Amino acid sequence: MKLYHGSNVPVNVPDLQHSKPYKDFGKGFYLSADRKQAVGMGEQKLSQIKQGSVYVSTFLFDESVMTSGELKIKIFDDYSEEWVNFILANRS
């Protein structure tokens, strides 16, 4: 699966040291399957930092890892009270 990361700098390797805590889904390296959404995130970052250009870095994710037991995965099929509570817990 192709995933995208939008920023004001190119990213070759995810680096959690630059991640901020208290984001919607916790500290992490955020990716999207939607390239347009990644472009929007890059534009948002550029508007805050005022340095660089919009870059969309592409990563290939091996989906077989999702069922291998290597990752701890929480799937939300839709917006729900559980989804909201999860986000609120990560923000605090």
N, C-alpha and C. Protein backbone atom coordinates (compact mmCIF):
# COMPACT_ATOMS: atom_id res chain seq x y z
N MET A 1 0.85 -1.16 0.00
CA MET A 1 0.00 0.00 0.00
C MET A 1 0.91 1.24 0.00
N LYS A 2 0.55 2.21 -0.83
CA LYS A 2 1.27 3.47 -0.89
C LYS A 2 0.68 4.43 0.13
N LEU A 3 1.55 5.03 0.95
CA LEU A 3 1.13 6.01 1.94
C LEU A 3 1.98 7.27 1.77
N TYR A 4 1.41 8.41 2.16
CA TYR A 4 2.05 9.70 1.92
C TYR A 4 2.20 10.49 3.22
N HIS A 5 3.28 11.27 3.28
CA HIS A 5 3.53 12.15 4.41
C HIS A 5 3.83 13.55 3.88
N GLY A 6 3.05 14.53 4.29
CA GLY A 6 3.25 15.90 3.85
C GLY A 6 4.01 16.70 4.89
N SER A 7 5.00 17.48 4.42
CA SER A 7 5.80 18.28 5.33
C SER A 7 6.40 19.46 4.57
N ASN A 8 7.24 20.22 5.26
CA ASN A 8 7.95 21.32 4.62
C ASN A 8 9.38 20.91 4.24
N VAL A 9 9.72 19.66 4.48
CA VAL A 9 11.02 19.11 4.11
C VAL A 9 10.80 17.68 3.61
N PRO A 10 11.66 17.18 2.73
CA PRO A 10 11.52 15.78 2.32
C PRO A 10 11.88 14.86 3.49
N VAL A 11 11.18 13.74 3.60
CA VAL A 11 11.44 12.77 4.66
C VAL A 11 11.74 11.43 3.99
N ASN A 12 12.94 10.92 4.23
CA ASN A 12 13.31 9.63 3.67
C ASN A 12 13.06 8.48 4.64
N VAL A 13 13.24 8.79 5.94
CA VAL A 13 13.06 7.78 6.98
C VAL A 13 12.24 8.41 8.10
N PRO A 14 11.16 7.77 8.53
CA PRO A 14 10.38 8.32 9.64
C PRO A 14 11.25 8.52 10.88
N ASP A 15 11.06 9.65 11.54
CA ASP A 15 11.86 10.02 12.71
C ASP A 15 10.91 10.49 13.81
N LEU A 16 10.73 9.68 14.82
CA LEU A 16 9.79 10.01 15.89
C LEU A 16 10.31 11.10 16.82
N GLN A 17 11.59 11.45 16.73
CA GLN A 17 12.12 12.53 17.56
C GLN A 17 11.50 13.87 17.21
N HIS A 18 11.01 14.00 15.99
CA HIS A 18 10.38 15.25 15.57
C HIS A 18 8.86 15.23 15.79
N SER A 19 8.36 14.15 16.35
CA SER A 19 6.92 14.03 16.61
C SER A 19 6.55 14.80 17.86
N LYS A 20 5.37 15.39 17.82
CA LYS A 20 4.87 16.11 18.98
C LYS A 20 3.90 15.22 19.75
N PRO A 21 3.94 15.33 21.07
CA PRO A 21 2.97 14.55 21.86
C PRO A 21 1.58 15.18 21.79
N TYR A 22 0.61 14.48 22.27
CA TYR A 22 -0.76 14.97 22.40
C TYR A 22 -1.46 15.22 21.06
N LYS A 23 -1.07 14.51 20.02
CA LYS A 23 -1.77 14.59 18.74
C LYS A 23 -2.99 13.66 18.81
N ASP A 24 -3.86 13.75 17.81
CA ASP A 24 -5.10 12.97 17.82
C ASP A 24 -4.89 11.48 18.10
N PHE A 25 -3.88 10.90 17.49
CA PHE A 25 -3.64 9.48 17.65
C PHE A 25 -2.31 9.21 18.36
N GLY A 26 -1.88 10.18 19.16
CA GLY A 26 -0.66 10.03 19.94
C GLY A 26 0.57 10.47 19.17
N LYS A 27 1.71 10.37 19.85
CA LYS A 27 2.99 10.73 19.24
C LYS A 27 3.29 9.69 18.16
N GLY A 28 3.61 10.15 16.97
CA GLY A 28 3.90 9.21 15.91
C GLY A 28 4.21 9.89 14.60
N PHE A 29 4.42 9.11 13.59
CA PHE A 29 4.70 9.57 12.24
C PHE A 29 3.42 9.35 11.44
N TYR A 30 2.77 10.44 11.08
CA TYR A 30 1.44 10.37 10.47
C TYR A 30 1.53 10.24 8.95
N LEU A 31 0.76 9.29 8.42
CA LEU A 31 0.70 9.02 6.99
C LEU A 31 -0.75 8.98 6.54
N SER A 32 -0.96 9.17 5.25
CA SER A 32 -2.30 9.11 4.68
C SER A 32 -2.25 8.33 3.37
N ALA A 33 -3.31 7.61 3.10
CA ALA A 33 -3.45 6.94 1.80
C ALA A 33 -3.92 7.94 0.75
N ASP A 34 -4.34 9.12 1.19
CA ASP A 34 -4.85 10.17 0.31
C ASP A 34 -3.75 11.21 0.07
N ARG A 35 -3.20 11.23 -1.13
CA ARG A 35 -2.11 12.15 -1.46
C ARG A 35 -2.53 13.61 -1.27
N LYS A 36 -3.77 13.94 -1.63
CA LYS A 36 -4.25 15.32 -1.47
C LYS A 36 -4.24 15.74 0.00
N GLN A 37 -4.59 14.83 0.88
CA GLN A 37 -4.56 15.14 2.30
C GLN A 37 -3.12 15.40 2.76
N ALA A 38 -2.18 14.62 2.25
CA ALA A 38 -0.77 14.83 2.59
C ALA A 38 -0.28 16.19 2.09
N VAL A 39 -0.70 16.58 0.89
CA VAL A 39 -0.34 17.90 0.36
C VAL A 39 -0.88 18.98 1.31
N GLY A 40 -2.11 18.83 1.75
CA GLY A 40 -2.72 19.79 2.67
C GLY A 40 -1.96 19.88 3.98
N MET A 41 -1.49 18.75 4.48
CA MET A 41 -0.70 18.76 5.72
C MET A 41 0.65 19.45 5.49
N GLY A 42 1.23 19.24 4.33
CA GLY A 42 2.48 19.93 4.00
C GLY A 42 2.27 21.43 3.91
N GLU A 43 1.15 21.85 3.32
CA GLU A 43 0.82 23.28 3.23
C GLU A 43 0.60 23.87 4.62
N GLN A 44 -0.05 23.12 5.48
CA GLN A 44 -0.29 23.59 6.85
C GLN A 44 1.03 23.75 7.60
N LYS A 45 1.92 22.78 7.46
CA LYS A 45 3.23 22.85 8.12
C LYS A 45 4.03 24.04 7.59
N LEU A 46 4.00 24.23 6.28
CA LEU A 46 4.73 25.35 5.67
C LEU A 46 4.19 26.69 6.16
N SER A 47 2.89 26.80 6.34
CA SER A 47 2.31 28.05 6.82
C SER A 47 2.72 28.35 8.26
N GLN A 48 3.02 27.32 9.04
CA GLN A 48 3.46 27.50 10.43
C GLN A 48 4.95 27.82 10.51
N ILE A 49 5.75 27.10 9.74
CA ILE A 49 7.21 27.19 9.82
C ILE A 49 7.77 28.31 8.95
N LYS A 50 7.14 28.55 7.81
CA LYS A 50 7.58 29.59 6.86
C LYS A 50 8.98 29.33 6.30
N GLN A 51 9.36 28.05 6.24
CA GLN A 51 10.65 27.66 5.66
C GLN A 51 10.45 26.41 4.81
N GLY A 52 11.17 26.34 3.71
CA GLY A 52 11.12 25.16 2.86
C GLY A 52 10.03 25.27 1.81
N SER A 53 9.59 24.14 1.34
CA SER A 53 8.53 24.02 0.34
C SER A 53 7.64 22.86 0.78
N VAL A 54 6.54 22.69 0.09
CA VAL A 54 5.69 21.53 0.38
C VAL A 54 6.31 20.29 -0.25
N TYR A 55 6.54 19.30 0.56
CA TYR A 55 7.06 18.02 0.08
C TYR A 55 6.09 16.92 0.49
N VAL A 56 5.86 16.01 -0.42
CA VAL A 56 5.07 14.81 -0.11
C VAL A 56 5.99 13.62 -0.32
N SER A 57 6.30 12.96 0.78
CA SER A 57 7.16 11.78 0.74
C SER A 57 6.27 10.55 0.64
N THR A 58 6.69 9.59 -0.17
CA THR A 58 5.92 8.38 -0.42
C THR A 58 6.58 7.18 0.26
N PHE A 59 5.78 6.38 0.93
CA PHE A 59 6.27 5.18 1.60
C PHE A 59 5.43 3.99 1.17
N LEU A 60 6.06 2.85 1.02
CA LEU A 60 5.35 1.62 0.72
C LEU A 60 5.20 0.83 2.02
N PHE A 61 3.97 0.51 2.37
CA PHE A 61 3.68 -0.21 3.59
C PHE A 61 3.28 -1.63 3.24
N ASP A 62 3.94 -2.60 3.85
CA ASP A 62 3.64 -4.01 3.65
C ASP A 62 2.44 -4.38 4.53
N GLU A 63 1.29 -4.51 3.93
CA GLU A 63 0.05 -4.78 4.67
C GLU A 63 0.05 -6.11 5.41
N SER A 64 0.90 -7.03 5.01
CA SER A 64 0.94 -8.33 5.70
C SER A 64 1.39 -8.18 7.15
N VAL A 65 2.08 -7.11 7.46
CA VAL A 65 2.52 -6.83 8.83
C VAL A 65 1.32 -6.60 9.76
N MET A 66 0.19 -6.18 9.20
CA MET A 66 -0.99 -5.89 10.01
C MET A 66 -1.58 -7.15 10.65
N THR A 67 -1.35 -8.29 10.07
CA THR A 67 -1.88 -9.54 10.61
C THR A 67 -0.78 -10.44 11.19
N SER A 68 0.45 -9.95 11.19
CA SER A 68 1.58 -10.76 11.64
C SER A 68 1.75 -10.78 13.15
N GLY A 69 1.08 -9.86 13.86
CA GLY A 69 1.25 -9.76 15.30
C GLY A 69 2.40 -8.85 15.70
N GLU A 70 3.12 -8.28 14.71
CA GLU A 70 4.25 -7.38 15.00
C GLU A 70 3.78 -6.01 15.49
N LEU A 71 2.59 -5.61 15.08
CA LEU A 71 2.08 -4.28 15.42
C LEU A 71 0.86 -4.40 16.31
N LYS A 72 0.68 -3.41 17.14
CA LYS A 72 -0.55 -3.29 17.93
C LYS A 72 -1.44 -2.32 17.16
N ILE A 73 -2.57 -2.81 16.67
CA ILE A 73 -3.42 -2.03 15.77
C ILE A 73 -4.81 -1.86 16.36
N LYS A 74 -5.31 -0.64 16.28
CA LYS A 74 -6.69 -0.34 16.68
C LYS A 74 -7.38 0.21 15.44
N ILE A 75 -8.46 -0.42 15.02
CA ILE A 75 -9.18 0.00 13.82
C ILE A 75 -10.53 0.59 14.21
N PHE A 76 -10.80 1.78 13.70
CA PHE A 76 -12.10 2.40 13.88
C PHE A 76 -12.78 2.40 12.51
N ASP A 77 -13.89 1.71 12.40
CA ASP A 77 -14.59 1.62 11.12
C ASP A 77 -15.31 2.91 10.76
N ASP A 78 -15.63 3.71 11.77
CA ASP A 78 -16.36 4.96 11.54
C ASP A 78 -16.19 5.84 12.77
N TYR A 79 -16.65 7.06 12.67
CA TYR A 79 -16.65 7.93 13.84
C TYR A 79 -17.60 7.34 14.87
N SER A 80 -17.18 7.34 16.12
CA SER A 80 -18.01 6.77 17.18
C SER A 80 -17.59 7.39 18.51
N GLU A 81 -18.32 7.08 19.55
CA GLU A 81 -17.96 7.56 20.88
C GLU A 81 -16.60 6.99 21.29
N GLU A 82 -16.35 5.74 20.94
CA GLU A 82 -15.05 5.12 21.24
C GLU A 82 -13.92 5.87 20.53
N TRP A 83 -14.14 6.25 19.27
CA TRP A 83 -13.16 7.01 18.48
C TRP A 83 -12.87 8.35 19.15
N VAL A 84 -13.92 9.07 19.56
CA VAL A 84 -13.76 10.38 20.22
C VAL A 84 -12.99 10.21 21.53
N ASN A 85 -13.35 9.21 22.33
CA ASN A 85 -12.67 8.97 23.60
C ASN A 85 -11.20 8.65 23.40
N PHE A 86 -10.88 7.91 22.35
CA PHE A 86 -9.50 7.58 22.04
C PHE A 86 -8.70 8.85 21.72
N ILE A 87 -9.27 9.71 20.90
CA ILE A 87 -8.60 10.96 20.54
C ILE A 87 -8.42 11.86 21.77
N LEU A 88 -9.47 12.00 22.56
CA LEU A 88 -9.37 12.84 23.77
C LEU A 88 -8.31 12.32 24.73
N ALA A 89 -8.20 11.01 24.87
CA ALA A 89 -7.18 10.43 25.75
C ALA A 89 -5.77 10.73 25.23
N ASN A 90 -5.59 10.71 23.92
CA ASN A 90 -4.27 11.00 23.34
C ASN A 90 -3.90 12.48 23.47
N ARG A 91 -4.89 13.34 23.45
CA ARG A 91 -4.62 14.77 23.53
C ARG A 91 -4.30 15.22 24.95
N SER A 92 -4.61 14.40 25.94
CA SER A 92 -4.37 14.84 27.33
C SER A 92 -3.25 14.09 28.02
